[in-house]
Amino acid sequence: MRLIPLTILSLCLCSSLLGCKDEVKNVAAHGVNPGKVPTMVSHDVNTVISDSGHVRYRITTPLWQMFEDAEPPHWIFPKSVTAQELDKSFKPITTIRCDSAYYDERTQIWSLNGNVRISTADNQLILTNQMYWNQDAHKLYSESFIHVEREARVIEGYGYESNEDFTTYRLNKVMAIFPIEEDRFPRGE
């Protein structure tokens, strides 16, 4: 009689152990190219980005595609983007607009493409067709034609390099320098 409960317990234990075997799952390969299929798509984006607990940037775009599994991981803004650096009162310090943009997460380099327009709080205006922004090196650069309006004059040329706050810059192949009347070209946002 004493062996019956022990035998039942042993049988239950053995049957439960035999029932626990690895389940085989049949998984079909999906064949998705991570460089062509985004991991996230956002429409009509209006977002702020903070740095060290302070709101620093505002990004607005009709379409933001993230390719986190691609090589290299990157973001694409194919239908225009506006990025603004904000001061502590949330007023724009610098506004960048372009037709499309590409951001490489590993190198932290932005490629701004098509009708690039950069305006600063100190009334500087930069127009070009392509501009790169290296966030890690804190500089902007381009080999394209550049139009710079600053301090009542226009400078045009090819090739440009500047620090992030646009206080120090260099044009490589200057084609023209001429004065302008300040009220003649409204910069507007």
C-alpha atoms as a PDB file:
ATOM      1  CA  MET A   1       0.000   0.000   0.000  1.00  0.00           C
ATOM      2  CA  ARG A   2       2.816   2.333   0.787  1.00  0.00           C
ATOM      3  CA  LEU A   3       4.317   1.802  -2.665  1.00  0.00           C
ATOM      4  CA  ILE A   4       1.182   2.861  -4.561  1.00  0.00           C
ATOM      5  CA  PRO A   5       1.499   6.638  -3.924  1.00  0.00           C
ATOM      6  CA  LEU A   6       5.241   6.454  -4.573  1.00  0.00           C
ATOM      7  CA  THR A   7       4.652   4.539  -7.815  1.00  0.00           C
ATOM      8  CA  ILE A   8       1.985   7.011  -8.983  1.00  0.00           C
ATOM      9  CA  LEU A   9       4.276   9.943  -8.210  1.00  0.00           C
ATOM     10  CA  SER A  10       7.142   8.310 -10.106  1.00  0.00           C
ATOM     11  CA  LEU A  11       4.924   7.620 -13.143  1.00  0.00           C
ATOM     12  CA  CYS A  12       3.634  11.198 -13.188  1.00  0.00           C
ATOM     13  CA  LEU A  13       7.153  12.572 -12.941  1.00  0.00           C
ATOM     14  CA  CYS A  14       8.426  10.314 -15.732  1.00  0.00           C
ATOM     15  CA  SER A  15       5.508  11.140 -18.027  1.00  0.00           C
ATOM     16  CA  SER A  16       5.956  14.860 -17.471  1.00  0.00           C
ATOM     17  CA  LEU A  17       9.670  14.613 -18.211  1.00  0.00           C
ATOM     18  CA  LEU A  18       9.027  12.599 -21.356  1.00  0.00           C
ATOM     19  CA  GLY A  19       6.393  15.134 -22.454  1.00  0.00           C
ATOM     20  CA  CYS A  20       8.899  18.022 -22.239  1.00  0.00           C
ATOM     21  CA  LYS A  21      10.835  17.740 -25.426  1.00  0.00           C
ATOM     22  CA  ASP A  22      12.039  20.445 -27.773  1.00  0.00           C
ATOM     23  CA  GLU A  23       9.334  21.555 -30.115  1.00  0.00           C
ATOM     24  CA  VAL A  24      10.421  21.737 -33.741  1.00  0.00           C
ATOM     25  CA  LYS A  25       9.189  24.789 -35.619  1.00  0.00           C
ATOM     26  CA  ASN A  26       9.237  25.098 -39.350  1.00  0.00           C
ATOM     27  CA  VAL A  27      10.194  28.656 -40.275  1.00  0.00           C
ATOM     28  CA  ALA A  28      10.323  29.851 -43.843  1.00  0.00           C
ATOM     29  CA  ALA A  29      12.956  32.383 -44.865  1.00  0.00           C
ATOM     30  CA  HIS A  30      11.254  35.688 -45.621  1.00  0.00           C
ATOM     31  CA  GLY A  31      13.861  37.008 -48.082  1.00  0.00           C
ATOM     32  CA  VAL A  32      13.433  40.650 -47.047  1.00  0.00           C
ATOM     33  CA  ASN A  33      16.338  42.939 -47.896  1.00  0.00           C
ATOM     34  CA  PRO A  34      16.957  45.091 -44.763  1.00  0.00           C
ATOM     35  CA  GLY A  35      18.437  47.802 -46.959  1.00  0.00           C
ATOM     36  CA  LYS A  36      15.178  48.179 -48.898  1.00  0.00           C
ATOM     37  CA  VAL A  37      12.501  47.534 -46.271  1.00  0.00           C
ATOM     38  CA  PRO A  38      12.393  50.039 -43.387  1.00  0.00           C
ATOM     39  CA  THR A  39      12.101  48.830 -39.806  1.00  0.00           C
ATOM     40  CA  MET A  40       9.965  51.887 -39.012  1.00  0.00           C
ATOM     41  CA  VAL A  41       8.001  54.373 -41.106  1.00  0.00           C
ATOM     42  CA  SER A  42       6.551  57.585 -39.657  1.00  0.00           C
ATOM     43  CA  HIS A  43       4.246  60.005 -41.477  1.00  0.00           C
ATOM     44  CA  ASP A  44       3.686  63.714 -40.769  1.00  0.00           C
ATOM     45  CA  VAL A  45       6.409  63.914 -38.128  1.00  0.00           C
ATOM     46  CA  ASN A  46       6.810  66.913 -35.843  1.00  0.00           C
ATOM     47  CA  THR A  47       9.162  65.911 -33.045  1.00  0.00           C
ATOM     48  CA  VAL A  48      11.674  67.433 -30.671  1.00  0.00           C
ATOM     49  CA  ILE A  49      15.024  65.929 -29.715  1.00  0.00           C
ATOM     50  CA  SER A  50      16.630  66.579 -26.364  1.00  0.00           C
ATOM     51  CA  ASP A  51      20.294  66.533 -25.431  1.00  0.00           C
ATOM     52  CA  SER A  52      21.419  66.380 -21.804  1.00  0.00           C
ATOM     53  CA  GLY A  53      17.856  66.935 -20.622  1.00  0.00           C
ATOM     54  CA  HIS A  54      17.278  70.069 -22.735  1.00  0.00           C
ATOM     55  CA  VAL A  55      15.138  70.284 -25.868  1.00  0.00           C
ATOM     56  CA  ARG A  56      17.654  71.128 -28.583  1.00  0.00           C
ATOM     57  CA  TYR A  57      16.157  70.294 -31.984  1.00  0.00           C
ATOM     58  CA  ARG A  58      12.818  70.128 -33.795  1.00  0.00           C
ATOM     59  CA  ILE A  59      12.374  67.952 -36.874  1.00  0.00           C
ATOM     60  CA  THR A  60       9.357  68.128 -39.167  1.00  0.00           C
ATOM     61  CA  THR A  61       8.930  65.941 -42.219  1.00  0.00           C
ATOM     62  CA  PRO A  62       6.105  64.272 -44.127  1.00  0.00           C
ATOM     63  CA  LEU A  63       7.960  60.919 -44.201  1.00  0.00           C
ATOM     64  CA  TRP A  64      10.732  59.428 -42.026  1.00  0.00           C
ATOM     65  CA  GLN A  65      12.024  55.923 -42.795  1.00  0.00           C
ATOM     66  CA  MET A  66      14.392  54.115 -40.419  1.00  0.00           C
ATOM     67  CA  PHE A  67      16.522  51.214 -41.655  1.00  0.00           C
ATOM     68  CA  GLU A  68      17.914  49.904 -38.363  1.00  0.00           C
ATOM     69  CA  ASP A  69      18.773  46.423 -39.741  1.00  0.00           C
ATOM     70  CA  ALA A  70      20.465  47.718 -42.895  1.00  0.00           C
ATOM     71  CA  GLU A  71      24.201  47.911 -43.363  1.00  0.00           C
ATOM     72  CA  PRO A  72      24.940  50.636 -42.397  1.00  0.00           C
ATOM     73  CA  PRO A  73      21.907  51.546 -40.245  1.00  0.00           C
ATOM     74  CA  HIS A  74      20.415  54.766 -41.592  1.00  0.00           C
ATOM     75  CA  TRP A  75      17.423  57.081 -41.783  1.00  0.00           C
ATOM     76  CA  ILE A  76      15.887  58.506 -44.954  1.00  0.00           C
ATOM     77  CA  PHE A  77      13.721  61.611 -45.287  1.00  0.00           C
ATOM     78  CA  PRO A  78      12.639  61.318 -48.956  1.00  0.00           C
ATOM     79  CA  LYS A  79       9.950  64.026 -49.013  1.00  0.00           C
ATOM     80  CA  SER A  80      11.717  67.043 -47.482  1.00  0.00           C
ATOM     81  CA  VAL A  81      12.770  67.805 -43.951  1.00  0.00           C
ATOM     82  CA  THR A  82      13.041  70.879 -41.765  1.00  0.00           C
ATOM     83  CA  ALA A  83      15.414  70.758 -38.810  1.00  0.00           C
ATOM     84  CA  GLN A  84      15.720  73.562 -36.298  1.00  0.00           C
ATOM     85  CA  GLU A  85      18.223  74.083 -33.516  1.00  0.00           C
ATOM     86  CA  LEU A  86      16.359  75.680 -30.604  1.00  0.00           C
ATOM     87  CA  ASP A  87      17.504  77.975 -27.804  1.00  0.00           C
ATOM     88  CA  LYS A  88      16.339  77.600 -24.196  1.00  0.00           C
ATOM     89  CA  SER A  89      13.169  79.576 -25.019  1.00  0.00           C
ATOM     90  CA  PHE A  90      12.437  77.163 -27.913  1.00  0.00           C
ATOM     91  CA  LYS A  91      13.132  79.865 -30.506  1.00  0.00           C
ATOM     92  CA  PRO A  92      15.011  78.745 -33.641  1.00  0.00           C
ATOM     93  CA  ILE A  93      18.728  79.499 -33.691  1.00  0.00           C
ATOM     94  CA  THR A  94      19.329  77.758 -37.014  1.00  0.00           C
ATOM     95  CA  THR A  95      16.821  76.386 -39.526  1.00  0.00           C
ATOM     96  CA  ILE A  96      17.788  73.876 -42.201  1.00  0.00           C
ATOM     97  CA  ARG A  97      15.403  72.920 -45.011  1.00  0.00           C
ATOM     98  CA  CYS A  98      16.009  70.557 -47.905  1.00  0.00           C
ATOM     99  CA  ASP A  99      14.167  68.366 -50.404  1.00  0.00           C
ATOM    100  CA  SER A 100      15.526  65.107 -48.938  1.00  0.00           C
ATOM    101  CA  ALA A 101      18.030  63.891 -46.373  1.00  0.00           C
ATOM    102  CA  TYR A 102      19.975  60.763 -45.436  1.00  0.00           C
ATOM    103  CA  TYR A 103      21.496  60.082 -42.013  1.00  0.00           C
ATOM    104  CA  ASP A 104      24.143  57.392 -41.406  1.00  0.00           C
ATOM    105  CA  GLU A 105      23.856  56.306 -37.753  1.00  0.00           C
ATOM    106  CA  ARG A 106      27.390  54.908 -37.520  1.00  0.00           C
ATOM    107  CA  THR A 107      29.297  57.861 -38.948  1.00  0.00           C
ATOM    108  CA  GLN A 108      26.772  60.443 -37.681  1.00  0.00           C
ATOM    109  CA  ILE A 109      26.873  62.188 -41.046  1.00  0.00           C
ATOM    110  CA  TRP A 110      23.813  63.858 -42.553  1.00  0.00           C
ATOM    111  CA  SER A 111      23.530  64.284 -46.314  1.00  0.00           C
ATOM    112  CA  LEU A 112      21.158  67.164 -47.124  1.00  0.00           C
ATOM    113  CA  ASN A 113      20.036  67.160 -50.748  1.00  0.00           C
ATOM    114  CA  GLY A 114      18.138  69.453 -53.101  1.00  0.00           C
ATOM    115  CA  ASN A 115      17.326  73.106 -52.428  1.00  0.00           C
ATOM    116  CA  VAL A 116      19.257  73.199 -49.162  1.00  0.00           C
ATOM    117  CA  ARG A 117      18.450  76.409 -47.297  1.00  0.00           C
ATOM    118  CA  ILE A 118      20.169  77.257 -44.003  1.00  0.00           C
ATOM    119  CA  SER A 119      19.204  80.389 -42.100  1.00  0.00           C
ATOM    120  CA  THR A 120      20.680  81.512 -38.793  1.00  0.00           C
ATOM    121  CA  ALA A 121      19.550  83.839 -36.008  1.00  0.00           C
ATOM    122  CA  ASP A 122      22.229  86.366 -37.029  1.00  0.00           C
ATOM    123  CA  ASN A 123      20.623  86.758 -40.496  1.00  0.00           C
ATOM    124  CA  GLN A 124      23.020  84.513 -42.389  1.00  0.00           C
ATOM    125  CA  LEU A 125      21.564  82.613 -45.343  1.00  0.00           C
ATOM    126  CA  ILE A 126      23.250  79.700 -47.103  1.00  0.00           C
ATOM    127  CA  LEU A 127      21.846  78.170 -50.288  1.00  0.00           C
ATOM    128  CA  THR A 128      23.226  75.096 -52.040  1.00  0.00           C
ATOM    129  CA  ASN A 129      22.120  71.878 -53.681  1.00  0.00           C
ATOM    130  CA  GLN A 130      23.970  69.528 -51.307  1.00  0.00           C
ATOM    131  CA  MET A 131      25.448  69.866 -47.827  1.00  0.00           C
ATOM    132  CA  TYR A 132      26.965  67.364 -45.409  1.00  0.00           C
ATOM    133  CA  TRP A 133      26.817  67.725 -41.638  1.00  0.00           C
ATOM    134  CA  ASN A 134      29.269  65.652 -39.597  1.00  0.00           C
ATOM    135  CA  GLN A 135      27.815  65.692 -36.085  1.00  0.00           C
ATOM    136  CA  ASP A 136      30.851  63.945 -34.592  1.00  0.00           C
ATOM    137  CA  ALA A 137      33.336  66.474 -36.053  1.00  0.00           C
ATOM    138  CA  HIS A 138      30.905  69.398 -35.514  1.00  0.00           C
ATOM    139  CA  LYS A 139      31.271  70.722 -39.061  1.00  0.00           C
ATOM    140  CA  LEU A 140      29.319  71.241 -42.268  1.00  0.00           C
ATOM    141  CA  TYR A 141      30.848  70.931 -45.725  1.00  0.00           C
ATOM    142  CA  SER A 142      30.007  70.773 -49.411  1.00  0.00           C
ATOM    143  CA  GLU A 143      31.711  70.633 -52.800  1.00  0.00           C
ATOM    144  CA  SER A 144      28.623  72.052 -54.551  1.00  0.00           C
ATOM    145  CA  PHE A 145      27.889  75.619 -55.612  1.00  0.00           C
ATOM    146  CA  ILE A 146      27.300  77.779 -52.505  1.00  0.00           C
ATOM    147  CA  HIS A 147      25.500  81.102 -52.131  1.00  0.00           C
ATOM    148  CA  VAL A 148      26.163  82.821 -48.772  1.00  0.00           C
ATOM    149  CA  GLU A 149      24.450  86.022 -47.676  1.00  0.00           C
ATOM    150  CA  ARG A 150      26.157  87.501 -44.639  1.00  0.00           C
ATOM    151  CA  GLU A 151      26.893  90.980 -43.294  1.00  0.00           C
ATOM    152  CA  ALA A 152      25.300  92.837 -46.237  1.00  0.00           C
ATOM    153  CA  ARG A 153      27.251  90.937 -48.875  1.00  0.00           C
ATOM    154  CA  VAL A 154      26.882  87.867 -51.031  1.00  0.00           C
ATOM    155  CA  ILE A 155      29.674  85.394 -51.583  1.00  0.00           C
ATOM    156  CA  GLU A 156      29.326  82.652 -54.182  1.00  0.00           C
ATOM    157  CA  GLY A 157      31.630  79.794 -55.031  1.00  0.00           C
ATOM    158  CA  TYR A 158      32.255  76.069 -54.975  1.00  0.00           C
ATOM    159  CA  GLY A 159      33.224  74.135 -51.866  1.00  0.00           C
ATOM    160  CA  TYR A 160      32.304  75.151 -48.343  1.00  0.00           C
ATOM    161  CA  GLU A 161      33.353  74.241 -44.811  1.00  0.00           C
ATOM    162  CA  SER A 162      31.985  75.656 -41.555  1.00  0.00           C
ATOM    163  CA  ASN A 163      31.695  74.995 -37.849  1.00  0.00           C
ATOM    164  CA  GLU A 164      28.217  74.092 -36.527  1.00  0.00           C
ATOM    165  CA  ASP A 165      27.322  77.604 -35.391  1.00  0.00           C
ATOM    166  CA  PHE A 166      28.396  79.150 -38.742  1.00  0.00           C
ATOM    167  CA  THR A 167      30.742  81.672 -37.109  1.00  0.00           C
ATOM    168  CA  THR A 168      33.836  80.405 -38.954  1.00  0.00           C
ATOM    169  CA  TYR A 169      33.557  79.280 -42.565  1.00  0.00           C
ATOM    170  CA  ARG A 170      35.592  78.951 -45.749  1.00  0.00           C
ATOM    171  CA  LEU A 171      34.647  78.926 -49.425  1.00  0.00           C
ATOM    172  CA  ASN A 172      37.227  77.110 -51.539  1.00  0.00           C
ATOM    173  CA  LYS A 173      36.659  78.480 -55.057  1.00  0.00           C
ATOM    174  CA  VAL A 174      35.160  81.943 -54.686  1.00  0.00           C
ATOM    175  CA  MET A 175      33.448  83.082 -57.888  1.00  0.00           C
ATOM    176  CA  ALA A 176      31.853  86.364 -56.763  1.00  0.00           C
ATOM    177  CA  ILE A 177      31.636  88.758 -53.830  1.00  0.00           C
ATOM    178  CA  PHE A 178      29.232  91.666 -54.004  1.00  0.00           C
ATOM    179  CA  PRO A 179      27.372  93.935 -51.572  1.00  0.00           C
ATOM    180  CA  ILE A 180      23.604  93.784 -51.116  1.00  0.00           C
ATOM    181  CA  GLU A 181      21.053  95.998 -49.476  1.00  0.00           C
ATOM    182  CA  GLU A 182      19.823  94.325 -46.275  1.00  0.00           C
ATOM    183  CA  ASP A 183      16.119  95.017 -46.884  1.00  0.00           C
ATOM    184  CA  ARG A 184      16.273  93.850 -50.506  1.00  0.00           C
ATOM    185  CA  PHE A 185      16.384  90.130 -49.742  1.00  0.00           C
ATOM    186  CA  PRO A 186      13.969  89.115 -46.971  1.00  0.00           C
ATOM    187  CA  ARG A 187      15.201  85.899 -45.432  1.00  0.00           C
ATOM    188  CA  GLY A 188      12.016  84.721 -43.717  1.00  0.00           C
ATOM    189  CA  GLU A 189      11.548  81.280 -42.265  1.00  0.00           C
END
